[in-house]
Amino acid sequence: MTKDLDQVFAALADPTRRAILAMLLEDDMAVTDVAEPFEMSLVAISKHLGVLTAAGLISQEKRGRVKWCKLEPDALRDASIWMQGFGQFEPVNLEAFERFLESELPDVVEGAAPHAE
């Protein structure tokens, strides 16, 4: 469980990856659509998606010629349980998580680029 938690928290530590998660809260997206609002190469976005996939926060599947990304919200369960052990955190509520991401990254929700590489 520790390795998995390390991967989840490491993935969440980057603002670009948090922005990608915020985008995927709405719906599944093609990799090219995920990359569109960011001022970085498709290769750089693919690396971010690889980190999110390795952490289990998203899944990727090929549909025809297009690779799609899907949010996997259950991946936050272990992190939520771990934080609950401190007694000051509540379980992860996806609606609350979405509101948090929107408040932290309002430009991303509106489609602006939050981070350049």
PDB file of N, CA and C in Angstrom:
ATOM      1  N   MET A   1       0.823  -1.194   0.000  1.00  0.00           N
ATOM      2  CA  MET A   1       0.000   0.000   0.000  1.00  0.00           C
ATOM      3  C   MET A   1       0.865   1.256   0.000  1.00  0.00           C
ATOM      4  N   THR A   2       2.023   1.236   0.662  1.00  0.00           N
ATOM      5  CA  THR A   2       2.882   2.415   0.736  1.00  0.00           C
ATOM      6  C   THR A   2       3.361   2.839  -0.642  1.00  0.00           C
ATOM      7  N   LYS A   3       3.780   1.875  -1.471  1.00  0.00           N
ATOM      8  CA  LYS A   3       4.246   2.207  -2.813  1.00  0.00           C
ATOM      9  C   LYS A   3       3.121   2.846  -3.620  1.00  0.00           C
ATOM     10  N   ASP A   4       1.922   2.282  -3.513  1.00  0.00           N
ATOM     11  CA  ASP A   4       0.780   2.838  -4.229  1.00  0.00           C
ATOM     12  C   ASP A   4       0.479   4.257  -3.765  1.00  0.00           C
ATOM     13  N   LEU A   5       0.515   4.481  -2.457  1.00  0.00           N
ATOM     14  CA  LEU A   5       0.279   5.823  -1.928  1.00  0.00           C
ATOM     15  C   LEU A   5       1.334   6.794  -2.415  1.00  0.00           C
ATOM     16  N   ASP A   6       2.586   6.360  -2.424  1.00  0.00           N
ATOM     17  CA  ASP A   6       3.666   7.216  -2.906  1.00  0.00           C
ATOM     18  C   ASP A   6       3.395   7.638  -4.344  1.00  0.00           C
ATOM     19  N   GLN A   7       2.954   6.694  -5.170  1.00  0.00           N
ATOM     20  CA  GLN A   7       2.672   7.013  -6.567  1.00  0.00           C
ATOM     21  C   GLN A   7       1.504   7.980  -6.698  1.00  0.00           C
ATOM     22  N   VAL A   8       0.454   7.776  -5.914  1.00  0.00           N
ATOM     23  CA  VAL A   8      -0.710   8.668  -5.977  1.00  0.00           C
ATOM     24  C   VAL A   8      -0.325  10.073  -5.553  1.00  0.00           C
ATOM     25  N   PHE A   9       0.357  10.199  -4.413  1.00  0.00           N
ATOM     26  CA  PHE A   9       0.730  11.535  -3.943  1.00  0.00           C
ATOM     27  C   PHE A   9       1.760  12.190  -4.861  1.00  0.00           C
ATOM     28  N   ALA A  10       2.675  11.418  -5.416  1.00  0.00           N
ATOM     29  CA  ALA A  10       3.646  11.978  -6.366  1.00  0.00           C
ATOM     30  C   ALA A  10       2.925  12.474  -7.619  1.00  0.00           C
ATOM     31  N   ALA A  11       1.948  11.716  -8.079  1.00  0.00           N
ATOM     32  CA  ALA A  11       1.186  12.128  -9.257  1.00  0.00           C
ATOM     33  C   ALA A  11       0.400  13.409  -8.978  1.00  0.00           C
ATOM     34  N   LEU A  12      -0.176  13.503  -7.793  1.00  0.00           N
ATOM     35  CA  LEU A  12      -0.974  14.683  -7.433  1.00  0.00           C
ATOM     36  C   LEU A  12      -0.123  15.909  -7.137  1.00  0.00           C
ATOM     37  N   ALA A  13       1.177  15.732  -6.947  1.00  0.00           N
ATOM     38  CA  ALA A  13       2.065  16.839  -6.590  1.00  0.00           C
ATOM     39  C   ALA A  13       2.290  17.814  -7.741  1.00  0.00           C
ATOM     40  N   ASP A  14       2.032  17.384  -8.961  1.00  0.00           N
ATOM     41  CA  ASP A  14       2.303  18.229 -10.123  1.00  0.00           C
ATOM     42  C   ASP A  14       1.048  18.969 -10.573  1.00  0.00           C
ATOM     43  N   PRO A  15       1.131  20.286 -10.777  1.00  0.00           N
ATOM     44  CA  PRO A  15      -0.063  21.051 -11.165  1.00  0.00           C
ATOM     45  C   PRO A  15      -0.623  20.660 -12.530  1.00  0.00           C
ATOM     46  N   THR A  16       0.227  20.256 -13.460  1.00  0.00           N
ATOM     47  CA  THR A  16      -0.280  19.821 -14.764  1.00  0.00           C
ATOM     48  C   THR A  16      -1.120  18.567 -14.613  1.00  0.00           C
ATOM     49  N   ARG A  17      -0.645  17.632 -13.802  1.00  0.00           N
ATOM     50  CA  ARG A  17      -1.403  16.386 -13.607  1.00  0.00           C
ATOM     51  C   ARG A  17      -2.710  16.654 -12.867  1.00  0.00           C
ATOM     52  N   ARG A  18      -2.696  17.560 -11.899  1.00  0.00           N
ATOM     53  CA  ARG A  18      -3.959  17.913 -11.220  1.00  0.00           C
ATOM     54  C   ARG A  18      -4.926  18.547 -12.212  1.00  0.00           C
ATOM     55  N   ALA A  19      -4.405  19.367 -13.110  1.00  0.00           N
ATOM     56  CA  ALA A  19      -5.257  19.997 -14.124  1.00  0.00           C
ATOM     57  C   ALA A  19      -5.860  18.938 -15.053  1.00  0.00           C
ATOM     58  N   ILE A  20      -5.063  17.950 -15.419  1.00  0.00           N
ATOM     59  CA  ILE A  20      -5.572  16.869 -16.268  1.00  0.00           C
ATOM     60  C   ILE A  20      -6.685  16.124 -15.549  1.00  0.00           C
ATOM     61  N   LEU A  21      -6.500  15.839 -14.267  1.00  0.00           N
ATOM     62  CA  LEU A  21      -7.557  15.162 -13.507  1.00  0.00           C
ATOM     63  C   LEU A  21      -8.826  16.004 -13.477  1.00  0.00           C
ATOM     64  N   ALA A  22      -8.669  17.316 -13.323  1.00  0.00           N
ATOM     65  CA  ALA A  22      -9.839  18.197 -13.313  1.00  0.00           C
ATOM     66  C   ALA A  22     -10.579  18.131 -14.641  1.00  0.00           C
ATOM     67  N   MET A  23      -9.824  18.078 -15.727  1.00  0.00           N
ATOM     68  CA  MET A  23     -10.447  17.972 -17.049  1.00  0.00           C
ATOM     69  C   MET A  23     -11.194  16.653 -17.204  1.00  0.00           C
ATOM     70  N   LEU A  24     -10.623  15.584 -16.675  1.00  0.00           N
ATOM     71  CA  LEU A  24     -11.230  14.262 -16.830  1.00  0.00           C
ATOM     72  C   LEU A  24     -12.411  14.044 -15.890  1.00  0.00           C
ATOM     73  N   LEU A  25     -12.629  14.965 -14.957  1.00  0.00           N
ATOM     74  CA  LEU A  25     -13.825  14.874 -14.111  1.00  0.00           C
ATOM     75  C   LEU A  25     -15.093  14.989 -14.961  1.00  0.00           C
ATOM     76  N   GLU A  26     -14.991  15.740 -16.043  1.00  0.00           N
ATOM     77  CA  GLU A  26     -16.153  15.975 -16.905  1.00  0.00           C
ATOM     78  C   GLU A  26     -16.514  14.749 -17.737  1.00  0.00           C
ATOM     79  N   ASP A  27     -15.498  14.144 -18.372  1.00  0.00           N
ATOM     80  CA  ASP A  27     -15.766  13.028 -19.271  1.00  0.00           C
ATOM     81  C   ASP A  27     -14.442  12.434 -19.727  1.00  0.00           C
ATOM     82  N   ASP A  28     -14.500  11.269 -20.360  1.00  0.00           N
ATOM     83  CA  ASP A  28     -13.313  10.683 -20.976  1.00  0.00           C
ATOM     84  C   ASP A  28     -12.852  11.632 -22.078  1.00  0.00           C
ATOM     85  N   MET A  29     -11.536  11.634 -22.318  1.00  0.00           N
ATOM     86  CA  MET A  29     -10.997  12.518 -23.351  1.00  0.00           C
ATOM     87  C   MET A  29      -9.925  11.804 -24.153  1.00  0.00           C
ATOM     88  N   ALA A  30      -9.830  12.158 -25.424  1.00  0.00           N
ATOM     89  CA  ALA A  30      -8.736  11.687 -26.261  1.00  0.00           C
ATOM     90  C   ALA A  30      -7.459  12.383 -25.794  1.00  0.00           C
ATOM     91  N   VAL A  31      -6.330  11.704 -25.930  1.00  0.00           N
ATOM     92  CA  VAL A  31      -5.046  12.269 -25.502  1.00  0.00           C
ATOM     93  C   VAL A  31      -4.806  13.621 -26.168  1.00  0.00           C
ATOM     94  N   THR A  32      -5.129  13.740 -27.441  1.00  0.00           N
ATOM     95  CA  THR A  32      -4.905  15.020 -28.134  1.00  0.00           C
ATOM     96  C   THR A  32      -5.764  16.132 -27.545  1.00  0.00           C
ATOM     97  N   ASP A  33      -6.966  15.805 -27.093  1.00  0.00           N
ATOM     98  CA  ASP A  33      -7.827  16.798 -26.453  1.00  0.00           C
ATOM     99  C   ASP A  33      -7.293  17.185 -25.077  1.00  0.00           C
ATOM    100  N   VAL A  34      -6.731  16.213 -24.366  1.00  0.00           N
ATOM    101  CA  VAL A  34      -6.116  16.506 -23.070  1.00  0.00           C
ATOM    102  C   VAL A  34      -4.954  17.473 -23.276  1.00  0.00           C
ATOM    103  N   ALA A  35      -4.176  17.262 -24.311  1.00  0.00           N
ATOM    104  CA  ALA A  35      -2.974  18.071 -24.558  1.00  0.00           C
ATOM    105  C   ALA A  35      -3.298  19.487 -25.030  1.00  0.00           C
ATOM    106  N   GLU A  36      -4.429  19.671 -25.653  1.00  0.00           N
ATOM    107  CA  GLU A  36      -4.753  20.935 -26.313  1.00  0.00           C
ATOM    108  C   GLU A  36      -4.555  22.202 -25.475  1.00  0.00           C
ATOM    109  N   PRO A  37      -5.049  22.267 -24.234  1.00  0.00           N
ATOM    110  CA  PRO A  37      -4.916  23.534 -23.499  1.00  0.00           C
ATOM    111  C   PRO A  37      -3.515  23.811 -22.932  1.00  0.00           C
ATOM    112  N   PHE A  38      -2.608  22.873 -23.045  1.00  0.00           N
ATOM    113  CA  PHE A  38      -1.290  23.034 -22.434  1.00  0.00           C
ATOM    114  C   PHE A  38      -0.257  23.491 -23.458  1.00  0.00           C
ATOM    115  N   GLU A  39       0.634  24.325 -23.007  1.00  0.00           N
ATOM    116  CA  GLU A  39       1.710  24.819 -23.861  1.00  0.00           C
ATOM    117  C   GLU A  39       2.930  23.921 -23.704  1.00  0.00           C
ATOM    118  N   MET A  40       2.753  22.666 -24.087  1.00  0.00           N
ATOM    119  CA  MET A  40       3.850  21.701 -24.046  1.00  0.00           C
ATOM    120  C   MET A  40       3.606  20.660 -25.126  1.00  0.00           C
ATOM    121  N   SER A  41       4.627  19.900 -25.402  1.00  0.00           N
ATOM    122  CA  SER A  41       4.541  18.912 -26.478  1.00  0.00           C
ATOM    123  C   SER A  41       3.619  17.753 -26.096  1.00  0.00           C
ATOM    124  N   LEU A  42       3.192  17.044 -27.119  1.00  0.00           N
ATOM    125  CA  LEU A  42       2.380  15.849 -26.900  1.00  0.00           C
ATOM    126  C   LEU A  42       3.185  14.795 -26.143  1.00  0.00           C
ATOM    127  N   VAL A  43       4.498  14.754 -26.382  1.00  0.00           N
ATOM    128  CA  VAL A  43       5.364  13.818 -25.655  1.00  0.00           C
ATOM    129  C   VAL A  43       5.352  14.142 -24.162  1.00  0.00           C
ATOM    130  N   ALA A  44       5.438  15.429 -23.818  1.00  0.00           N
ATOM    131  CA  ALA A  44       5.417  15.830 -22.403  1.00  0.00           C
ATOM    132  C   ALA A  44       4.088  15.464 -21.757  1.00  0.00           C
ATOM    133  N   ILE A  45       2.981  15.714 -22.457  1.00  0.00           N
ATOM    134  CA  ILE A  45       1.660  15.350 -21.936  1.00  0.00           C
ATOM    135  C   ILE A  45       1.574  13.838 -21.754  1.00  0.00           C
ATOM    136  N   SER A  46       2.102  13.089 -22.709  1.00  0.00           N
ATOM    137  CA  SER A  46       2.080  11.624 -22.613  1.00  0.00           C
ATOM    138  C   SER A  46       2.839  11.139 -21.384  1.00  0.00           C
ATOM    139  N   LYS A  47       3.925  11.819 -21.038  1.00  0.00           N
ATOM    140  CA  LYS A  47       4.669  11.453 -19.829  1.00  0.00           C
ATOM    141  C   LYS A  47       3.824  11.708 -18.584  1.00  0.00           C
ATOM    142  N   HIS A  48       3.123  12.837 -18.550  1.00  0.00           N
ATOM    143  CA  HIS A  48       2.225  13.121 -17.425  1.00  0.00           C
ATOM    144  C   HIS A  48       1.124  12.063 -17.342  1.00  0.00           C
ATOM    145  N   LEU A  49       0.566  11.702 -18.488  1.00  0.00           N
ATOM    146  CA  LEU A  49      -0.481  10.676 -18.507  1.00  0.00           C
ATOM    147  C   LEU A  49       0.065   9.332 -18.047  1.00  0.00           C
ATOM    148  N   GLY A  50       1.307   9.047 -18.373  1.00  0.00           N
ATOM    149  CA  GLY A  50       1.938   7.815 -17.918  1.00  0.00           C
ATOM    150  C   GLY A  50       2.065   7.761 -16.411  1.00  0.00           C
ATOM    151  N   VAL A  51       2.413   8.899 -15.794  1.00  0.00           N
ATOM    152  CA  VAL A  51       2.511   8.958 -14.330  1.00  0.00           C
ATOM    153  C   VAL A  51       1.137   8.747 -13.702  1.00  0.00           C
ATOM    154  N   LEU A  52       0.122   9.412 -14.259  1.00  0.00           N
ATOM    155  CA  LEU A  52      -1.242   9.255 -13.736  1.00  0.00           C
ATOM    156  C   LEU A  52      -1.741   7.822 -13.912  1.00  0.00           C
ATOM    157  N   THR A  53      -1.393   7.197 -15.026  1.00  0.00           N
ATOM    158  CA  THR A  53      -1.794   5.809 -15.273  1.00  0.00           C
ATOM    159  C   THR A  53      -1.084   4.873 -14.305  1.00  0.00           C
ATOM    160  N   ALA A  54       0.221   5.078 -14.121  1.00  0.00           N
ATOM    161  CA  ALA A  54       0.998   4.222 -13.202  1.00  0.00           C
ATOM    162  C   ALA A  54       0.461   4.327 -11.778  1.00  0.00           C
ATOM    163  N   ALA A  55      -0.038   5.503 -11.409  1.00  0.00           N
ATOM    164  CA  ALA A  55      -0.605   5.701 -10.073  1.00  0.00           C
ATOM    165  C   ALA A  55      -2.027   5.154  -9.978  1.00  0.00           C
ATOM    166  N   GLY A  56      -2.598   4.760 -11.113  1.00  0.00           N
ATOM    167  CA  GLY A  56      -3.961   4.226 -11.113  1.00  0.00           C
ATOM    168  C   GLY A  56      -5.032   5.299 -11.106  1.00  0.00           C
ATOM    169  N   LEU A  57      -4.636   6.571 -11.259  1.00  0.00           N
ATOM    170  CA  LEU A  57      -5.606   7.659 -11.218  1.00  0.00           C
ATOM    171  C   LEU A  57      -6.400   7.783 -12.516  1.00  0.00           C
ATOM    172  N   ILE A  58      -5.806   7.322 -13.605  1.00  0.00           N
ATOM    173  CA  ILE A  58      -6.523   7.284 -14.874  1.00  0.00           C
ATOM    174  C   ILE A  58      -6.238   5.949 -15.547  1.00  0.00           C
ATOM    175  N   SER A  59      -7.061   5.626 -16.523  1.00  0.00           N
ATOM    176  CA  SER A  59      -6.781   4.482 -17.393  1.00  0.00           C
ATOM    177  C   SER A  59      -6.758   5.017 -18.813  1.00  0.00           C
ATOM    178  N   GLN A  60      -6.053   4.304 -19.670  1.00  0.00           N
ATOM    179  CA  GLN A  60      -5.981   4.680 -21.075  1.00  0.00           C
ATOM    180  C   GLN A  60      -6.347   3.466 -21.914  1.00  0.00           C
ATOM    181  N   GLU A  61      -7.107   3.699 -22.964  1.00  0.00           N
ATOM    182  CA  GLU A  61      -7.453   2.609 -23.877  1.00  0.00           C
ATOM    183  C   GLU A  61      -7.503   3.140 -25.295  1.00  0.00           C
ATOM    184  N   LYS A  62      -7.164   2.277 -26.208  1.00  0.00           N
ATOM    185  CA  LYS A  62      -7.191   2.644 -27.615  1.00  0.00           C
ATOM    186  C   LYS A  62      -8.548   2.272 -28.192  1.00  0.00           C
ATOM    187  N   ARG A  63      -9.190   3.247 -28.820  1.00  0.00           N
ATOM    188  CA  ARG A  63     -10.459   3.034 -29.517  1.00  0.00           C
ATOM    189  C   ARG A  63     -10.216   3.426 -30.967  1.00  0.00           C
ATOM    190  N   GLY A  64     -10.094   2.445 -31.810  1.00  0.00           N
ATOM    191  CA  GLY A  64      -9.720   2.732 -33.193  1.00  0.00           C
ATOM    192  C   GLY A  64      -8.296   3.249 -33.225  1.00  0.00           C
ATOM    193  N   ARG A  65      -8.121   4.426 -33.791  1.00  0.00           N
ATOM    194  CA  ARG A  65      -6.787   5.035 -33.863  1.00  0.00           C
ATOM    195  C   ARG A  65      -6.533   6.020 -32.733  1.00  0.00           C
ATOM    196  N   VAL A  66      -7.512   6.210 -31.884  1.00  0.00           N
ATOM    197  CA  VAL A  66      -7.432   7.248 -30.850  1.00  0.00           C
ATOM    198  C   VAL A  66      -7.239   6.628 -29.471  1.00  0.00           C
ATOM    199  N   LYS A  67      -6.314   7.185 -28.702  1.00  0.00           N
ATOM    200  CA  LYS A  67      -6.106   6.742 -27.328  1.00  0.00           C
ATOM    201  C   LYS A  67      -6.924   7.661 -26.412  1.00  0.00           C
ATOM    202  N   TRP A  68      -7.738   7.036 -25.557  1.00  0.00           N
ATOM    203  CA  TRP A  68      -8.630   7.769 -24.658  1.00  0.00           C
ATOM    204  C   TRP A  68      -8.161   7.640 -23.219  1.00  0.00           C
ATOM    205  N   CYS A  69      -8.430   8.678 -22.436  1.00  0.00           N
ATOM    206  CA  CYS A  69      -8.100   8.700 -21.011  1.00  0.00           C
ATOM    207  C   CYS A  69      -9.389   8.767 -20.210  1.00  0.00           C
ATOM    208  N   LYS A  70      -9.419   8.034 -19.113  1.00  0.00           N
ATOM    209  CA  LYS A  70     -10.604   7.985 -18.257  1.00  0.00           C
ATOM    210  C   LYS A  70     -10.153   8.120 -16.805  1.00  0.00           C
ATOM    211  N   LEU A  71     -10.833   8.954 -16.044  1.00  0.00           N
ATOM    212  CA  LEU A  71     -10.557   9.116 -14.618  1.00  0.00           C
ATOM    213  C   LEU A  71     -10.924   7.839 -13.873  1.00  0.00           C
ATOM    214  N   GLU A  72     -10.076   7.421 -12.951  1.00  0.00           N
ATOM    215  CA  GLU A  72     -10.341   6.251 -12.107  1.00  0.00           C
ATOM    216  C   GLU A  72     -10.410   6.738 -10.652  1.00  0.00           C
ATOM    217  N   PRO A  73     -11.565   7.260 -10.233  1.00  0.00           N
ATOM    218  CA  PRO A  73     -11.672   7.894  -8.923  1.00  0.00           C
ATOM    219  C   PRO A  73     -11.420   6.960  -7.741  1.00  0.00           C
ATOM    220  N   ASP A  74     -11.615   5.654  -7.926  1.00  0.00           N
ATOM    221  CA  ASP A  74     -11.378   4.728  -6.820  1.00  0.00           C
ATOM    222  C   ASP A  74      -9.917   4.699  -6.392  1.00  0.00           C
ATOM    223  N   ALA A  75      -9.024   5.157  -7.254  1.00  0.00           N
ATOM    224  CA  ALA A  75      -7.598   5.169  -6.909  1.00  0.00           C
ATOM    225  C   ALA A  75      -7.306   6.092  -5.734  1.00  0.00           C
ATOM    226  N   LEU A  76      -8.200   7.009  -5.469  1.00  0.00           N
ATOM    227  CA  LEU A  76      -8.000   7.927  -4.340  1.00  0.00           C
ATOM    228  C   LEU A  76      -8.448   7.318  -3.012  1.00  0.00           C
ATOM    229  N   ARG A  77      -9.089   6.156  -3.060  1.00  0.00           N
ATOM    230  CA  ARG A  77      -9.631   5.538  -1.849  1.00  0.00           C
ATOM    231  C   ARG A  77      -8.545   5.272  -0.806  1.00  0.00           C
ATOM    232  N   ASP A  78      -7.435   4.631  -1.201  1.00  0.00           N
ATOM    233  CA  ASP A  78      -6.377   4.323  -0.237  1.00  0.00           C
ATOM    234  C   ASP A  78      -5.770   5.590   0.349  1.00  0.00           C
ATOM    235  N   ALA A  79      -5.606   6.616  -0.493  1.00  0.00           N
ATOM    236  CA  ALA A  79      -5.074   7.887   0.002  1.00  0.00           C
ATOM    237  C   ALA A  79      -6.045   8.503   1.009  1.00  0.00           C
ATOM    238  N   SER A  80      -7.323   8.403   0.722  1.00  0.00           N
ATOM    239  CA  SER A  80      -8.336   8.931   1.633  1.00  0.00           C
ATOM    240  C   SER A  80      -8.314   8.185   2.968  1.00  0.00           C
ATOM    241  N   ILE A  81      -8.223   6.872   2.891  1.00  0.00           N
ATOM    242  CA  ILE A  81      -8.171   6.058   4.117  1.00  0.00           C
ATOM    243  C   ILE A  81      -6.927   6.413   4.927  1.00  0.00           C
ATOM    244  N   TRP A  82      -5.807   6.568   4.247  1.00  0.00           N
ATOM    245  CA  TRP A  82      -4.562   6.930   4.929  1.00  0.00           C
ATOM    246  C   TRP A  82      -4.709   8.281   5.638  1.00  0.00           C
ATOM    247  N   MET A  83      -5.306   9.261   4.953  1.00  0.00           N
ATOM    248  CA  MET A  83      -5.478  10.590   5.555  1.00  0.00           C
ATOM    249  C   MET A  83      -6.460  10.553   6.720  1.00  0.00           C
ATOM    250  N   GLN A  84      -7.459   9.683   6.652  1.00  0.00           N
ATOM    251  CA  GLN A  84      -8.427   9.571   7.742  1.00  0.00           C
ATOM    252  C   GLN A  84      -7.761   9.132   9.034  1.00  0.00           C
ATOM    253  N   GLY A  85      -6.653   8.411   8.897  1.00  0.00           N
ATOM    254  CA  GLY A  85      -5.921   7.954  10.073  1.00  0.00           C
ATOM    255  C   GLY A  85      -5.423   9.092  10.935  1.00  0.00           C
ATOM    256  N   PHE A  86      -5.336  10.271  10.388  1.00  0.00           N
ATOM    257  CA  PHE A  86      -4.895  11.428  11.151  1.00  0.00           C
ATOM    258  C   PHE A  86      -6.052  12.108  11.861  1.00  0.00           C
ATOM    259  N   GLY A  87      -7.258  11.669  11.571  1.00  0.00           N
ATOM    260  CA  GLY A  87      -8.424  12.161  12.287  1.00  0.00           C
ATOM    261  C   GLY A  87      -8.894  13.544  11.900  1.00  0.00           C
ATOM    262  N   GLN A  88      -8.158  14.226  11.066  1.00  0.00           N
ATOM    263  CA  GLN A  88      -8.571  15.581  10.717  1.00  0.00           C
ATOM    264  C   GLN A  88      -9.063  15.695   9.283  1.00  0.00           C
ATOM    265  N   PHE A  89      -9.077  14.578   8.578  1.00  0.00           N
ATOM    266  CA  PHE A  89      -9.520  14.590   7.192  1.00  0.00           C
ATOM    267  C   PHE A  89     -10.760  13.733   7.037  1.00  0.00           C
ATOM    268  N   GLU A  90     -11.611  14.147   6.157  1.00  0.00           N
ATOM    269  CA  GLU A  90     -12.812  13.385   5.849  1.00  0.00           C
ATOM    270  C   GLU A  90     -12.547  12.516   4.633  1.00  0.00           C
ATOM    271  N   PRO A  91     -13.365  11.503   4.396  1.00  0.00           N
ATOM    272  CA  PRO A  91     -13.190  10.681   3.198  1.00  0.00           C
ATOM    273  C   PRO A  91     -13.252  11.554   1.936  1.00  0.00           C
ATOM    274  N   VAL A  92     -12.573  11.119   0.898  1.00  0.00           N
ATOM    275  CA  VAL A  92     -12.594  11.872  -0.351  1.00  0.00           C
ATOM    276  C   VAL A  92     -13.998  11.804  -0.938  1.00  0.00           C
ATOM    277  N   ASN A  93     -14.566  12.961  -1.126  1.00  0.00           N
ATOM    278  CA  ASN A  93     -15.865  13.109  -1.759  1.00  0.00           C
ATOM    279  C   ASN A  93     -15.576  13.673  -3.148  1.00  0.00           C
ATOM    280  N   LEU A  94     -15.920  12.945  -4.195  1.00  0.00           N
ATOM    281  CA  LEU A  94     -15.547  13.373  -5.537  1.00  0.00           C
ATOM    282  C   LEU A  94     -16.139  14.728  -5.910  1.00  0.00           C
ATOM    283  N   GLU A  95     -17.336  15.020  -5.429  1.00  0.00           N
ATOM    284  CA  GLU A  95     -17.907  16.335  -5.719  1.00  0.00           C
ATOM    285  C   GLU A  95     -17.106  17.422  -5.022  1.00  0.00           C
ATOM    286  N   ALA A  96     -16.703  17.172  -3.776  1.00  0.00           N
ATOM    287  CA  ALA A  96     -15.879  18.139  -3.054  1.00  0.00           C
ATOM    288  C   ALA A  96     -14.510  18.260  -3.723  1.00  0.00           C
ATOM    289  N   PHE A  97     -13.970  17.129  -4.190  1.00  0.00           N
ATOM    290  CA  PHE A  97     -12.677  17.142  -4.874  1.00  0.00           C
ATOM    291  C   PHE A  97     -12.778  17.975  -6.153  1.00  0.00           C
ATOM    292  N   GLU A  98     -13.879  17.828  -6.879  1.00  0.00           N
ATOM    293  CA  GLU A  98     -14.090  18.612  -8.095  1.00  0.00           C
ATOM    294  C   GLU A  98     -14.163  20.101  -7.762  1.00  0.00           C
ATOM    295  N   ARG A  99     -14.906  20.460  -6.704  1.00  0.00           N
ATOM    296  CA  ARG A  99     -14.997  21.870  -6.303  1.00  0.00           C
ATOM    297  C   ARG A  99     -13.621  22.409  -5.918  1.00  0.00           C
ATOM    298  N   PHE A 100     -12.837  21.580  -5.213  1.00  0.00           N
ATOM    299  CA  PHE A 100     -11.486  21.982  -4.827  1.00  0.00           C
ATOM    300  C   PHE A 100     -10.641  22.246  -6.069  1.00  0.00           C
ATOM    301  N   LEU A 101     -10.667  21.314  -7.033  1.00  0.00           N
ATOM    302  CA  LEU A 101      -9.873  21.498  -8.250  1.00  0.00           C
ATOM    303  C   LEU A 101     -10.322  22.741  -9.013  1.00  0.00           C
ATOM    304  N   GLU A 102     -11.613  22.969  -9.072  1.00  0.00           N
ATOM    305  CA  GLU A 102     -12.116  24.151  -9.766  1.00  0.00           C
ATOM    306  C   GLU A 102     -11.683  25.438  -9.070  1.00  0.00           C
ATOM    307  N   SER A 103     -11.632  25.433  -7.740  1.00  0.00           N
ATOM    308  CA  SER A 103     -11.203  26.631  -7.025  1.00  0.00           C
ATOM    309  C   SER A 103      -9.701  26.847  -7.132  1.00  0.00           C
ATOM    310  N   GLU A 104      -8.937  25.749  -7.181  1.00  0.00           N
ATOM    311  CA  GLU A 104      -7.487  25.851  -7.284  1.00  0.00           C
ATOM    312  C   GLU A 104      -7.022  26.119  -8.711  1.00  0.00           C
ATOM    313  N   LEU A 105      -7.791  25.617  -9.667  1.00  0.00           N
ATOM    314  CA  LEU A 105      -7.386  25.696 -11.072  1.00  0.00           C
ATOM    315  C   LEU A 105      -8.518  26.237 -11.937  1.00  0.00           C
ATOM    316  N   PRO A 106      -9.043  27.415 -11.635  1.00  0.00           N
ATOM    317  CA  PRO A 106     -10.208  27.904 -12.376  1.00  0.00           C
ATOM    318  C   PRO A 106      -9.930  28.090 -13.866  1.00  0.00           C
ATOM    319  N   ASP A 107      -8.707  28.471 -14.246  1.00  0.00           N
ATOM    320  CA  ASP A 107      -8.394  28.673 -15.655  1.00  0.00           C
ATOM    321  C   ASP A 107      -8.439  27.381 -16.438  1.00  0.00           C
ATOM    322  N   VAL A 108      -8.059  26.278 -15.801  1.00  0.00           N
ATOM    323  CA  VAL A 108      -8.045  24.982 -16.481  1.00  0.00           C
ATOM    324  C   VAL A 108      -9.466  24.545 -16.787  1.00  0.00           C
ATOM    325  N   VAL A 109     -10.339  24.746 -15.816  1.00  0.00           N
ATOM    326  CA  VAL A 109     -11.731  24.350 -16.017  1.00  0.00           C
ATOM    327  C   VAL A 109     -12.328  25.125 -17.178  1.00  0.00           C
ATOM    328  N   GLU A 110     -11.863  26.368 -17.385  1.00  0.00           N
ATOM    329  CA  GLU A 110     -12.349  27.182 -18.488  1.00  0.00           C
ATOM    330  C   GLU A 110     -11.541  26.946 -19.763  1.00  0.00           C
ATOM    331  N   GLY A 111     -10.495  26.076 -19.708  1.00  0.00           N
ATOM    332  CA  GLY A 111      -9.764  25.707 -20.904  1.00  0.00           C
ATOM    333  C   GLY A 111      -8.460  26.433 -21.129  1.00  0.00           C
ATOM    334  N   ALA A 112      -7.992  27.225 -20.175  1.00  0.00           N
ATOM    335  CA  ALA A 112      -6.726  27.929 -20.350  1.00  0.00           C
ATOM    336  C   ALA A 112      -5.564  27.043 -19.928  1.00  0.00           C
ATOM    337  N   ALA A 113      -4.389  27.349 -20.403  1.00  0.00           N
ATOM    338  CA  ALA A 113      -3.190  26.574 -20.085  1.00  0.00           C
ATOM    339  C   ALA A 113      -2.617  27.007 -18.743  1.00  0.00           C
ATOM    340  N   PRO A 114      -2.509  26.104 -17.756  1.00  0.00           N
ATOM    341  CA  PRO A 114      -2.025  26.475 -16.447  1.00  0.00           C
ATOM    342  C   PRO A 114      -0.518  26.399 -16.288  1.00  0.00           C
ATOM    343  N   HIS A 115       0.148  25.645 -17.172  1.00  0.00           N
ATOM    344  CA  HIS A 115       1.538  25.311 -16.891  1.00  0.00           C
ATOM    345  C   HIS A 115       2.262  25.077 -18.198  1.00  0.00           C
ATOM    346  N   ALA A 116       3.396  25.649 -18.347  1.00  0.00           N
ATOM    347  CA  ALA A 116       4.194  25.404 -19.544  1.00  0.00           C
ATOM    348  C   ALA A 116       5.458  24.672 -19.151  1.00  0.00           C
ATOM    349  N   GLU A 117       5.894  23.829 -20.042  1.00  0.00           N
ATOM    350  CA  GLU A 117       7.119  23.067 -19.766  1.00  0.00           C
ATOM    351  C   GLU A 117       8.198  23.473 -20.719  1.00  0.00           C
TER     352      GLU A 117
END
